[in-house]
Amino acid sequence: MTDKPARPRKRDGTLRDSLIKVGITLLREKGPDGLSLRECAARAGVSHAAPTYHFKNLKGLSTAIAARAFSLFAQSMETSIADAPDTPRARLTAICEGYLAFAKAHRELFLFMFSGLDLDGDDPEFETASTRAYTILSEVSEPFVGPGDDPEEIELLIWSLAHGYSHLAMINKKRPRSKGNDLPTLAKILRHLELKPSDT
């Protein structure tokens, strides 16, 4: 009796994608502390050594998950802005609403990607996805950069507003009873940002 030849390992990227999807599922079920290469391998139905062909360690898998998260994040903002009127304020409101929609739909990914976890910043996929997301924010911020303003300061102001609002809305933060539980809408808050003179 002869042994059957070993089935060749898939090299078309499907295993890598499966491991990322399993990792996201684990993240949703157990949080960041429950993420492990060994359990990802078990759930994907491969040997415990198989993930190392795609990810050197847990940091590599975490970076790939974060890259996937940033890609979905950018898609959410792009989808929202595609339906918005072509005015600076409407576009800004749209990307902030896309930001909020992502946070609500993907709570665990939102917290994970902005957790300060040690990721591989030199990973090309992560760099591309995170840069794409920030570029969207940067472009819609430009009309609000007034004379003498530092563009980066305005971008960070808008980013802080969108991120902070999304985080508060996502966790349903309770406010003083006198204020009620419902936050003012994003559109109402964004009205306080002034356009630069050339865009008014």
N, C-alpha and C. Protein backbone atom coordinates (compact mmCIF):
# COMPACT_ATOMS: atom_id res chain seq x y z
N MET A 1 0.86 -1.18 0.00
CA MET A 1 0.00 0.00 0.00
C MET A 1 0.90 1.24 0.00
N THR A 2 0.57 2.16 -0.87
CA THR A 2 1.38 3.38 -0.94
C THR A 2 0.63 4.52 -0.28
N ASP A 3 1.40 5.41 0.31
CA ASP A 3 0.77 6.59 0.93
C ASP A 3 0.27 7.54 -0.14
N LYS A 4 -0.86 8.17 0.18
CA LYS A 4 -1.38 9.19 -0.73
C LYS A 4 -0.49 10.42 -0.67
N PRO A 5 -0.25 11.04 -1.81
CA PRO A 5 0.57 12.24 -1.77
C PRO A 5 -0.11 13.35 -0.97
N ALA A 6 0.69 14.11 -0.27
CA ALA A 6 0.13 15.20 0.53
C ALA A 6 -0.55 16.22 -0.39
N ARG A 7 -1.69 16.69 0.07
CA ARG A 7 -2.40 17.69 -0.72
C ARG A 7 -1.61 18.99 -0.72
N PRO A 8 -1.35 19.56 -1.88
CA PRO A 8 -0.55 20.78 -1.91
C PRO A 8 -1.24 21.93 -1.19
N ARG A 9 -0.42 22.73 -0.53
CA ARG A 9 -0.96 23.87 0.18
C ARG A 9 -1.44 24.95 -0.79
N LYS A 10 -2.59 25.53 -0.51
CA LYS A 10 -3.13 26.58 -1.38
C LYS A 10 -2.21 27.79 -1.35
N ARG A 11 -1.92 28.30 -2.51
CA ARG A 11 -1.07 29.48 -2.62
C ARG A 11 -1.77 30.62 -3.34
N ASP A 12 -3.09 30.55 -3.41
CA ASP A 12 -3.83 31.56 -4.15
C ASP A 12 -4.36 32.68 -3.25
N GLY A 13 -3.99 32.66 -1.99
CA GLY A 13 -4.41 33.73 -1.08
C GLY A 13 -5.69 33.44 -0.34
N THR A 14 -6.37 32.34 -0.67
CA THR A 14 -7.65 32.06 -0.01
C THR A 14 -7.47 31.72 1.46
N LEU A 15 -6.39 31.04 1.81
CA LEU A 15 -6.16 30.72 3.21
C LEU A 15 -5.90 32.00 4.00
N ARG A 16 -5.11 32.88 3.46
CA ARG A 16 -4.83 34.14 4.16
C ARG A 16 -6.12 34.89 4.42
N ASP A 17 -6.98 34.97 3.41
CA ASP A 17 -8.25 35.67 3.57
C ASP A 17 -9.12 34.98 4.61
N SER A 18 -9.13 33.65 4.59
CA SER A 18 -9.92 32.89 5.56
C SER A 18 -9.43 33.15 6.99
N LEU A 19 -8.12 33.21 7.16
CA LEU A 19 -7.57 33.46 8.49
C LEU A 19 -7.92 34.85 8.99
N ILE A 20 -7.93 35.82 8.09
CA ILE A 20 -8.31 37.18 8.49
C ILE A 20 -9.77 37.21 8.91
N LYS A 21 -10.64 36.54 8.14
CA LYS A 21 -12.07 36.51 8.48
C LYS A 21 -12.30 35.80 9.81
N VAL A 22 -11.58 34.69 10.02
CA VAL A 22 -11.71 33.98 11.30
C VAL A 22 -11.21 34.86 12.44
N GLY A 23 -10.12 35.58 12.18
CA GLY A 23 -9.58 36.49 13.19
C GLY A 23 -10.59 37.57 13.57
N ILE A 24 -11.30 38.11 12.60
CA ILE A 24 -12.31 39.12 12.87
C ILE A 24 -13.45 38.52 13.69
N THR A 25 -13.83 37.29 13.37
CA THR A 25 -14.87 36.61 14.13
C THR A 25 -14.44 36.42 15.58
N LEU A 26 -13.19 35.97 15.78
CA LEU A 26 -12.66 35.81 17.13
C LEU A 26 -12.64 37.14 17.89
N LEU A 27 -12.27 38.17 17.18
CA LEU A 27 -12.22 39.51 17.79
C LEU A 27 -13.60 39.91 18.28
N ARG A 28 -14.61 39.63 17.48
CA ARG A 28 -15.97 39.99 17.87
C ARG A 28 -16.48 39.14 19.03
N GLU A 29 -16.04 37.89 19.07
CA GLU A 29 -16.51 36.99 20.12
C GLU A 29 -15.78 37.17 21.44
N LYS A 30 -14.45 37.37 21.35
CA LYS A 30 -13.63 37.31 22.56
C LYS A 30 -12.83 38.58 22.84
N GLY A 31 -12.84 39.53 21.91
CA GLY A 31 -12.03 40.72 22.09
C GLY A 31 -10.58 40.46 21.71
N PRO A 32 -9.73 41.47 21.75
CA PRO A 32 -8.33 41.35 21.33
C PRO A 32 -7.55 40.27 22.08
N ASP A 33 -7.88 40.06 23.36
CA ASP A 33 -7.14 39.07 24.15
C ASP A 33 -7.44 37.64 23.71
N GLY A 34 -8.53 37.45 22.98
CA GLY A 34 -8.89 36.12 22.52
C GLY A 34 -8.35 35.77 21.15
N LEU A 35 -7.62 36.70 20.56
CA LEU A 35 -7.08 36.50 19.22
C LEU A 35 -5.80 35.68 19.29
N SER A 36 -5.74 34.58 18.53
CA SER A 36 -4.53 33.77 18.51
C SER A 36 -4.40 33.06 17.16
N LEU A 37 -3.17 32.88 16.73
CA LEU A 37 -2.92 32.18 15.47
C LEU A 37 -3.38 30.72 15.55
N ARG A 38 -3.16 30.11 16.69
CA ARG A 38 -3.52 28.70 16.84
C ARG A 38 -5.03 28.49 16.70
N GLU A 39 -5.82 29.35 17.35
CA GLU A 39 -7.27 29.17 17.25
C GLU A 39 -7.78 29.54 15.87
N CYS A 40 -7.17 30.53 15.26
CA CYS A 40 -7.53 30.86 13.88
C CYS A 40 -7.30 29.67 12.96
N ALA A 41 -6.17 29.01 13.15
CA ALA A 41 -5.85 27.84 12.35
C ALA A 41 -6.88 26.73 12.57
N ALA A 42 -7.22 26.49 13.83
CA ALA A 42 -8.18 25.44 14.16
C ALA A 42 -9.54 25.72 13.52
N ARG A 43 -9.98 26.95 13.61
CA ARG A 43 -11.28 27.28 13.04
C ARG A 43 -11.27 27.28 11.52
N ALA A 44 -10.12 27.55 10.94
CA ALA A 44 -10.01 27.53 9.49
C ALA A 44 -9.79 26.11 8.96
N GLY A 45 -9.58 25.16 9.87
CA GLY A 45 -9.41 23.77 9.47
C GLY A 45 -8.06 23.44 8.90
N VAL A 46 -7.02 24.13 9.38
CA VAL A 46 -5.66 23.87 8.90
C VAL A 46 -4.76 23.59 10.09
N SER A 47 -3.56 23.15 9.81
CA SER A 47 -2.62 22.85 10.90
C SER A 47 -2.24 24.12 11.64
N HIS A 48 -1.78 23.97 12.86
CA HIS A 48 -1.42 25.15 13.65
C HIS A 48 -0.23 25.90 13.06
N ALA A 49 0.53 25.22 12.19
CA ALA A 49 1.69 25.87 11.56
C ALA A 49 1.32 26.62 10.29
N ALA A 50 0.16 26.31 9.72
CA ALA A 50 -0.21 26.89 8.43
C ALA A 50 -0.24 28.42 8.41
N PRO A 51 -0.75 29.09 9.45
CA PRO A 51 -0.79 30.56 9.42
C PRO A 51 0.57 31.22 9.26
N THR A 52 1.64 30.52 9.67
CA THR A 52 2.97 31.13 9.61
C THR A 52 3.44 31.34 8.17
N TYR A 53 2.80 30.69 7.21
CA TYR A 53 3.15 30.94 5.81
C TYR A 53 2.67 32.32 5.36
N HIS A 54 1.71 32.88 6.10
CA HIS A 54 1.14 34.19 5.75
C HIS A 54 1.44 35.26 6.79
N PHE A 55 1.54 34.85 8.04
CA PHE A 55 1.79 35.80 9.13
C PHE A 55 2.91 35.25 10.02
N LYS A 56 3.94 36.02 10.19
CA LYS A 56 5.06 35.55 11.00
C LYS A 56 4.66 35.33 12.45
N ASN A 57 3.74 36.15 12.91
CA ASN A 57 3.33 36.08 14.31
C ASN A 57 1.97 36.74 14.46
N LEU A 58 1.51 36.87 15.70
CA LEU A 58 0.20 37.45 15.96
C LEU A 58 0.15 38.92 15.52
N LYS A 59 1.28 39.61 15.63
CA LYS A 59 1.34 40.99 15.17
C LYS A 59 1.02 41.09 13.69
N GLY A 60 1.50 40.13 12.91
CA GLY A 60 1.22 40.12 11.48
C GLY A 60 -0.26 39.94 11.19
N LEU A 61 -0.90 39.01 11.92
CA LEU A 61 -2.34 38.80 11.75
C LEU A 61 -3.11 40.03 12.19
N SER A 62 -2.72 40.61 13.32
CA SER A 62 -3.40 41.81 13.83
C SER A 62 -3.30 42.96 12.83
N THR A 63 -2.14 43.09 12.21
CA THR A 63 -1.95 44.14 11.20
C THR A 63 -2.85 43.91 10.01
N ALA A 64 -2.98 42.66 9.58
CA ALA A 64 -3.85 42.34 8.45
C ALA A 64 -5.30 42.61 8.78
N ILE A 65 -5.72 42.32 10.01
CA ILE A 65 -7.09 42.60 10.43
C ILE A 65 -7.32 44.10 10.45
N ALA A 66 -6.34 44.85 10.96
CA ALA A 66 -6.47 46.31 11.00
C ALA A 66 -6.54 46.89 9.59
N ALA A 67 -5.75 46.33 8.67
CA ALA A 67 -5.80 46.78 7.28
C ALA A 67 -7.18 46.54 6.69
N ARG A 68 -7.76 45.38 6.95
CA ARG A 68 -9.11 45.08 6.47
C ARG A 68 -10.12 46.06 7.09
N ALA A 69 -9.93 46.37 8.35
CA ALA A 69 -10.82 47.31 9.04
C ALA A 69 -10.74 48.70 8.41
N PHE A 70 -9.52 49.17 8.14
CA PHE A 70 -9.37 50.49 7.53
C PHE A 70 -9.97 50.52 6.12
N SER A 71 -9.90 49.42 5.41
CA SER A 71 -10.49 49.35 4.08
C SER A 71 -12.01 49.47 4.16
N LEU A 72 -12.62 48.75 5.10
CA LEU A 72 -14.07 48.84 5.30
C LEU A 72 -14.47 50.23 5.78
N PHE A 73 -13.63 50.80 6.61
CA PHE A 73 -13.84 52.15 7.14
C PHE A 73 -13.87 53.17 6.00
N ALA A 74 -12.88 53.09 5.11
CA ALA A 74 -12.83 54.00 3.97
C ALA A 74 -14.03 53.80 3.06
N GLN A 75 -14.43 52.55 2.83
CA GLN A 75 -15.60 52.27 2.01
C GLN A 75 -16.85 52.90 2.58
N SER A 76 -16.98 52.85 3.90
CA SER A 76 -18.15 53.44 4.54
C SER A 76 -18.22 54.95 4.30
N MET A 77 -17.08 55.62 4.42
CA MET A 77 -17.06 57.06 4.17
C MET A 77 -17.29 57.37 2.70
N GLU A 78 -16.70 56.58 1.82
CA GLU A 78 -16.87 56.80 0.37
C GLU A 78 -18.31 56.58 -0.06
N THR A 79 -18.95 55.57 0.49
CA THR A 79 -20.35 55.29 0.16
C THR A 79 -21.24 56.45 0.61
N SER A 80 -20.96 56.96 1.79
CA SER A 80 -21.75 58.07 2.32
C SER A 80 -21.56 59.34 1.50
N ILE A 81 -20.32 59.63 1.12
CA ILE A 81 -20.04 60.87 0.39
C ILE A 81 -20.54 60.80 -1.05
N ALA A 82 -20.66 59.59 -1.60
CA ALA A 82 -21.11 59.45 -2.99
C ALA A 82 -22.55 59.93 -3.17
N ASP A 83 -23.34 59.86 -2.10
CA ASP A 83 -24.75 60.26 -2.18
C ASP A 83 -24.99 61.68 -1.69
N ALA A 84 -23.92 62.38 -1.32
CA ALA A 84 -24.07 63.71 -0.74
C ALA A 84 -24.02 64.80 -1.82
N PRO A 85 -24.70 65.92 -1.60
CA PRO A 85 -24.56 67.06 -2.52
C PRO A 85 -23.10 67.50 -2.59
N ASP A 86 -22.70 68.05 -3.72
CA ASP A 86 -21.30 68.42 -3.92
C ASP A 86 -21.03 69.82 -3.37
N THR A 87 -21.18 69.95 -2.06
CA THR A 87 -20.83 71.20 -1.37
C THR A 87 -19.89 70.83 -0.22
N PRO A 88 -19.00 71.74 0.17
CA PRO A 88 -18.05 71.40 1.23
C PRO A 88 -18.69 70.91 2.51
N ARG A 89 -19.74 71.60 2.96
CA ARG A 89 -20.35 71.20 4.23
C ARG A 89 -21.09 69.87 4.12
N ALA A 90 -21.75 69.65 2.99
CA ALA A 90 -22.47 68.39 2.80
C ALA A 90 -21.49 67.23 2.71
N ARG A 91 -20.35 67.43 2.06
CA ARG A 91 -19.35 66.37 1.94
C ARG A 91 -18.73 66.07 3.30
N LEU A 92 -18.47 67.10 4.08
CA LEU A 92 -17.91 66.90 5.42
C LEU A 92 -18.90 66.13 6.29
N THR A 93 -20.16 66.55 6.26
CA THR A 93 -21.18 65.86 7.05
C THR A 93 -21.28 64.40 6.63
N ALA A 94 -21.19 64.16 5.32
CA ALA A 94 -21.32 62.80 4.80
C ALA A 94 -20.20 61.89 5.30
N ILE A 95 -18.95 62.37 5.27
CA ILE A 95 -17.87 61.47 5.70
C ILE A 95 -17.95 61.23 7.21
N CYS A 96 -18.40 62.23 7.95
CA CYS A 96 -18.56 62.03 9.40
C CYS A 96 -19.67 61.02 9.68
N GLU A 97 -20.74 61.07 8.88
CA GLU A 97 -21.81 60.10 9.05
C GLU A 97 -21.35 58.70 8.63
N GLY A 98 -20.48 58.63 7.60
CA GLY A 98 -19.90 57.34 7.23
C GLY A 98 -19.00 56.80 8.32
N TYR A 99 -18.28 57.70 8.97
CA TYR A 99 -17.42 57.36 10.11
C TYR A 99 -18.28 56.73 11.21
N LEU A 100 -19.39 57.41 11.52
CA LEU A 100 -20.30 56.95 12.57
C LEU A 100 -20.94 55.61 12.19
N ALA A 101 -21.34 55.47 10.94
CA ALA A 101 -21.97 54.23 10.49
C ALA A 101 -21.03 53.04 10.64
N PHE A 102 -19.75 53.25 10.32
CA PHE A 102 -18.77 52.18 10.48
C PHE A 102 -18.61 51.80 11.95
N ALA A 103 -18.52 52.81 12.81
CA ALA A 103 -18.33 52.53 14.24
C ALA A 103 -19.49 51.72 14.80
N LYS A 104 -20.70 52.04 14.37
CA LYS A 104 -21.87 51.33 14.88
C LYS A 104 -21.98 49.92 14.31
N ALA A 105 -21.62 49.76 13.04
CA ALA A 105 -21.75 48.45 12.38
C ALA A 105 -20.60 47.50 12.73
N HIS A 106 -19.45 48.07 13.05
CA HIS A 106 -18.25 47.25 13.30
C HIS A 106 -17.58 47.71 14.60
N ARG A 107 -18.31 47.63 15.66
CA ARG A 107 -17.83 48.13 16.96
C ARG A 107 -16.46 47.57 17.33
N GLU A 108 -16.30 46.24 17.23
CA GLU A 108 -15.05 45.62 17.65
C GLU A 108 -13.89 46.04 16.77
N LEU A 109 -14.12 46.12 15.46
CA LEU A 109 -13.05 46.56 14.55
C LEU A 109 -12.69 48.01 14.81
N PHE A 110 -13.69 48.84 15.06
CA PHE A 110 -13.45 50.26 15.33
C PHE A 110 -12.55 50.42 16.55
N LEU A 111 -12.87 49.70 17.62
CA LEU A 111 -12.06 49.79 18.83
C LEU A 111 -10.68 49.20 18.61
N PHE A 112 -10.60 48.13 17.83
CA PHE A 112 -9.33 47.44 17.59
C PHE A 112 -8.37 48.30 16.77
N MET A 113 -8.84 48.88 15.70
CA MET A 113 -7.96 49.62 14.80
C MET A 113 -7.44 50.91 15.41
N PHE A 114 -8.16 51.44 16.41
CA PHE A 114 -7.71 52.66 17.08
C PHE A 114 -7.27 52.40 18.52
N SER A 115 -6.91 51.15 18.80
CA SER A 115 -6.58 50.77 20.18
C SER A 115 -5.16 51.12 20.59
N GLY A 116 -4.32 51.50 19.64
CA GLY A 116 -2.93 51.74 19.96
C GLY A 116 -2.11 50.47 20.01
N LEU A 117 -2.70 49.36 19.54
CA LEU A 117 -2.00 48.08 19.49
C LEU A 117 -0.75 48.20 18.62
N ASP A 118 0.27 47.45 18.98
CA ASP A 118 1.51 47.46 18.22
C ASP A 118 1.30 46.74 16.89
N LEU A 119 1.21 47.49 15.81
CA LEU A 119 1.00 46.94 14.47
C LEU A 119 2.23 47.21 13.61
N ASP A 120 2.30 46.53 12.49
CA ASP A 120 3.42 46.71 11.57
C ASP A 120 3.09 47.87 10.63
N GLY A 121 3.56 49.05 10.97
CA GLY A 121 3.28 50.23 10.17
C GLY A 121 3.91 50.22 8.80
N ASP A 122 4.88 49.33 8.59
CA ASP A 122 5.54 49.23 7.28
C ASP A 122 4.85 48.24 6.35
N ASP A 123 3.81 47.57 6.84
CA ASP A 123 3.09 46.61 6.00
C ASP A 123 2.39 47.37 4.87
N PRO A 124 2.64 47.01 3.60
CA PRO A 124 2.08 47.76 2.46
C PRO A 124 0.56 47.82 2.46
N GLU A 125 -0.10 46.72 2.79
CA GLU A 125 -1.56 46.69 2.79
C GLU A 125 -2.12 47.61 3.86
N PHE A 126 -1.52 47.57 5.03
CA PHE A 126 -1.96 48.44 6.12
C PHE A 126 -1.71 49.90 5.77
N GLU A 127 -0.55 50.20 5.22
CA GLU A 127 -0.21 51.57 4.84
C GLU A 127 -1.19 52.11 3.80
N THR A 128 -1.51 51.30 2.80
CA THR A 128 -2.42 51.73 1.74
C THR A 128 -3.82 52.00 2.30
N ALA A 129 -4.32 51.08 3.12
CA ALA A 129 -5.69 51.21 3.63
C ALA A 129 -5.82 52.39 4.59
N SER A 130 -4.87 52.54 5.50
CA SER A 130 -4.95 53.63 6.48
C SER A 130 -4.75 54.98 5.80
N THR A 131 -3.86 55.04 4.82
CA THR A 131 -3.64 56.30 4.09
C THR A 131 -4.88 56.68 3.29
N ARG A 132 -5.52 55.70 2.69
CA ARG A 132 -6.76 55.94 1.94
C ARG A 132 -7.83 56.57 2.83
N ALA A 133 -7.99 56.04 4.03
CA ALA A 133 -8.99 56.57 4.95
C ALA A 133 -8.65 58.00 5.37
N TYR A 134 -7.39 58.25 5.68
CA TYR A 134 -7.02 59.59 6.12
C TYR A 134 -7.12 60.60 4.98
N THR A 135 -6.82 60.17 3.77
CA THR A 135 -6.90 61.07 2.62
C THR A 135 -8.32 61.58 2.41
N ILE A 136 -9.30 60.72 2.64
CA ILE A 136 -10.70 61.14 2.52
C ILE A 136 -10.97 62.27 3.50
N LEU A 137 -10.55 62.08 4.73
CA LEU A 137 -10.74 63.11 5.75
C LEU A 137 -10.01 64.39 5.38
N SER A 138 -8.79 64.26 4.91
CA SER A 138 -7.97 65.42 4.56
C SER A 138 -8.61 66.24 3.45
N GLU A 139 -9.13 65.56 2.44
CA GLU A 139 -9.70 66.26 1.29
C GLU A 139 -10.97 67.05 1.66
N VAL A 140 -11.82 66.50 2.50
CA VAL A 140 -13.04 67.23 2.85
C VAL A 140 -12.77 68.31 3.89
N SER A 141 -11.62 68.25 4.54
CA SER A 141 -11.26 69.26 5.53
C SER A 141 -10.72 70.53 4.87
N GLU A 142 -10.18 70.41 3.68
CA GLU A 142 -9.48 71.52 3.02
C GLU A 142 -10.31 72.81 2.93
N PRO A 143 -11.60 72.76 2.59
CA PRO A 143 -12.36 74.01 2.50
C PRO A 143 -12.53 74.74 3.83
N PHE A 144 -12.19 74.09 4.93
CA PHE A 144 -12.35 74.70 6.24
C PHE A 144 -11.02 75.25 6.78
N VAL A 145 -9.99 75.18 5.96
CA VAL A 145 -8.68 75.72 6.33
C VAL A 145 -8.65 77.20 5.93
N GLY A 146 -8.74 78.07 6.90
CA GLY A 146 -8.77 79.50 6.62
C GLY A 146 -7.38 80.09 6.46
N PRO A 147 -7.30 81.36 6.09
CA PRO A 147 -6.00 82.03 5.94
C PRO A 147 -5.20 81.97 7.24
N GLY A 148 -3.97 81.52 7.14
CA GLY A 148 -3.11 81.43 8.30
C GLY A 148 -3.30 80.16 9.13
N ASP A 149 -4.29 79.33 8.77
CA ASP A 149 -4.51 78.08 9.50
C ASP A 149 -3.51 77.02 9.07
N ASP A 150 -3.17 76.16 9.97
CA ASP A 150 -2.35 74.98 9.66
C ASP A 150 -3.32 73.87 9.21
N PRO A 151 -3.22 73.40 7.97
CA PRO A 151 -4.14 72.36 7.48
C PRO A 151 -4.21 71.14 8.40
N GLU A 152 -3.05 70.74 8.95
CA GLU A 152 -3.05 69.56 9.81
C GLU A 152 -3.87 69.79 11.07
N GLU A 153 -3.85 71.02 11.59
CA GLU A 153 -4.63 71.31 12.79
C GLU A 153 -6.12 71.19 12.50
N ILE A 154 -6.56 71.66 11.34
CA ILE A 154 -7.97 71.57 10.97
C ILE A 154 -8.37 70.12 10.75
N GLU A 155 -7.48 69.35 10.11
CA GLU A 155 -7.76 67.92 9.90
C GLU A 155 -7.91 67.21 11.24
N LEU A 156 -7.01 67.51 12.17
CA LEU A 156 -7.08 66.85 13.48
C LEU A 156 -8.30 67.30 14.26
N LEU A 157 -8.70 68.56 14.10
CA LEU A 157 -9.91 69.05 14.75
C LEU A 157 -11.13 68.27 14.27
N ILE A 158 -11.23 68.12 12.94
CA ILE A 158 -12.38 67.41 12.37
C ILE A 158 -12.31 65.93 12.70
N TRP A 159 -11.12 65.36 12.65
CA TRP A 159 -10.96 63.95 13.00
C TRP A 159 -11.35 63.70 14.45
N SER A 160 -10.90 64.58 15.34
CA SER A 160 -11.24 64.43 16.75
C SER A 160 -12.75 64.52 16.97
N LEU A 161 -13.38 65.44 16.25
CA LEU A 161 -14.82 65.62 16.38
C LEU A 161 -15.55 64.35 15.89
N ALA A 162 -15.18 63.89 14.70
CA ALA A 162 -15.86 62.72 14.12
C ALA A 162 -15.61 61.47 14.98
N HIS A 163 -14.36 61.30 15.42
CA HIS A 163 -14.02 60.11 16.19
C HIS A 163 -14.68 60.14 17.57
N GLY A 164 -14.57 61.28 18.22
CA GLY A 164 -15.16 61.40 19.55
C GLY A 164 -16.67 61.21 19.53
N TYR A 165 -17.33 61.83 18.57
CA TYR A 165 -18.78 61.69 18.45
C TYR A 165 -19.15 60.23 18.18
N SER A 166 -18.42 59.60 17.26
CA SER A 166 -18.72 58.20 16.92
C SER A 166 -18.53 57.29 18.12
N HIS A 167 -17.49 57.55 18.89
CA HIS A 167 -17.23 56.71 20.07
C HIS A 167 -18.33 56.89 21.11
N LEU A 168 -18.74 58.12 21.34
CA LEU A 168 -19.80 58.38 22.31
C LEU A 168 -21.12 57.74 21.86
N ALA A 169 -21.43 57.88 20.57
CA ALA A 169 -22.67 57.30 20.06
C ALA A 169 -22.62 55.78 20.08
N MET A 170 -21.45 55.21 19.77
CA MET A 170 -21.30 53.76 19.70
C MET A 170 -21.49 53.10 21.06
N ILE A 171 -20.93 53.72 22.10
CA ILE A 171 -21.03 53.12 23.43
C ILE A 171 -22.27 53.61 24.18
N ASN A 172 -23.08 54.46 23.52
CA ASN A 172 -24.31 54.97 24.13
C ASN A 172 -24.04 55.60 25.49
N LYS A 173 -23.04 56.47 25.49
CA LYS A 173 -22.63 57.12 26.74
C LYS A 173 -23.79 57.90 27.35
N LYS A 174 -24.07 57.64 28.60
CA LYS A 174 -25.15 58.33 29.29
C LYS A 174 -24.69 59.72 29.72
N ARG A 175 -25.54 60.68 29.45
CA ARG A 175 -25.23 62.05 29.84
C ARG A 175 -26.06 62.43 31.06
N PRO A 176 -25.80 63.59 31.65
CA PRO A 176 -26.65 64.02 32.77
C PRO A 176 -28.12 64.00 32.37
N ARG A 177 -28.97 63.60 33.29
CA ARG A 177 -30.40 63.45 32.98
C ARG A 177 -30.99 64.73 32.38
N SER A 178 -30.48 65.86 32.84
CA SER A 178 -31.01 67.14 32.34
C SER A 178 -30.74 67.33 30.85
N LYS A 179 -29.72 66.63 30.33
CA LYS A 179 -29.37 66.75 28.91
C LYS A 179 -30.10 65.74 28.04
N GLY A 180 -30.68 64.73 28.64
CA GLY A 180 -31.32 63.69 27.85
C GLY A 180 -30.27 62.70 27.34
N ASN A 181 -30.74 61.61 26.74
CA ASN A 181 -29.83 60.57 26.28
C ASN A 181 -29.42 60.71 24.82
N ASP A 182 -30.15 61.50 24.06
CA ASP A 182 -29.86 61.64 22.63
C ASP A 182 -28.86 62.76 22.39
N LEU A 183 -27.80 62.43 21.65
CA LEU A 183 -26.81 63.44 21.29
C LEU A 183 -27.37 64.35 20.20
N PRO A 184 -26.94 65.61 20.16
CA PRO A 184 -27.29 66.45 18.99
C PRO A 184 -26.76 65.76 17.73
N THR A 185 -27.41 65.97 16.62
CA THR A 185 -26.96 65.31 15.39
C THR A 185 -25.62 65.86 14.95
N LEU A 186 -24.91 65.06 14.18
CA LEU A 186 -23.63 65.50 13.64
C LEU A 186 -23.79 66.75 12.80
N ALA A 187 -24.84 66.80 12.01
CA ALA A 187 -25.05 67.97 11.14
C ALA A 187 -25.14 69.25 11.96
N LYS A 188 -25.82 69.19 13.10
CA LYS A 188 -25.95 70.37 13.95
C LYS A 188 -24.59 70.80 14.51
N ILE A 189 -23.80 69.83 14.92
CA ILE A 189 -22.48 70.14 15.48
C ILE A 189 -21.55 70.72 14.42
N LEU A 190 -21.60 70.15 13.22
CA LEU A 190 -20.69 70.58 12.15
C LEU A 190 -21.01 71.97 11.64
N ARG A 191 -22.20 72.48 11.94
CA ARG A 191 -22.54 73.85 11.51
C ARG A 191 -21.63 74.89 12.15
N HIS A 192 -21.00 74.51 13.25
CA HIS A 192 -20.13 75.47 13.97
C HIS A 192 -18.76 75.61 13.30
N LEU A 193 -18.43 74.74 12.35
CA LEU A 193 -17.18 74.88 11.62
C LEU A 193 -17.36 75.90 10.50
N GLU A 194 -16.45 76.82 10.38
CA GLU A 194 -16.56 77.88 9.39
C GLU A 194 -15.78 77.54 8.13
N LEU A 195 -16.38 77.82 6.99
CA LEU A 195 -15.69 77.66 5.72
C LEU A 195 -14.71 78.79 5.53
N LYS A 196 -13.62 78.53 4.80
CA LYS A 196 -12.70 79.63 4.49
C LYS A 196 -13.41 80.58 3.52
N PRO A 197 -13.04 81.86 3.50
CA PRO A 197 -13.76 82.86 2.72
C PRO A 197 -13.99 82.49 1.25
N SER A 198 -13.02 81.85 0.61
CA SER A 198 -13.17 81.55 -0.81
C SER A 198 -14.22 80.48 -1.09
N ASP A 199 -14.66 79.76 -0.07
CA ASP A 199 -15.65 78.70 -0.26
C ASP A 199 -17.03 79.08 0.25
N THR A 200 -17.20 80.26 0.78
CA THR A 200 -18.51 80.69 1.29
C THR A 200 -19.34 81.28 0.18
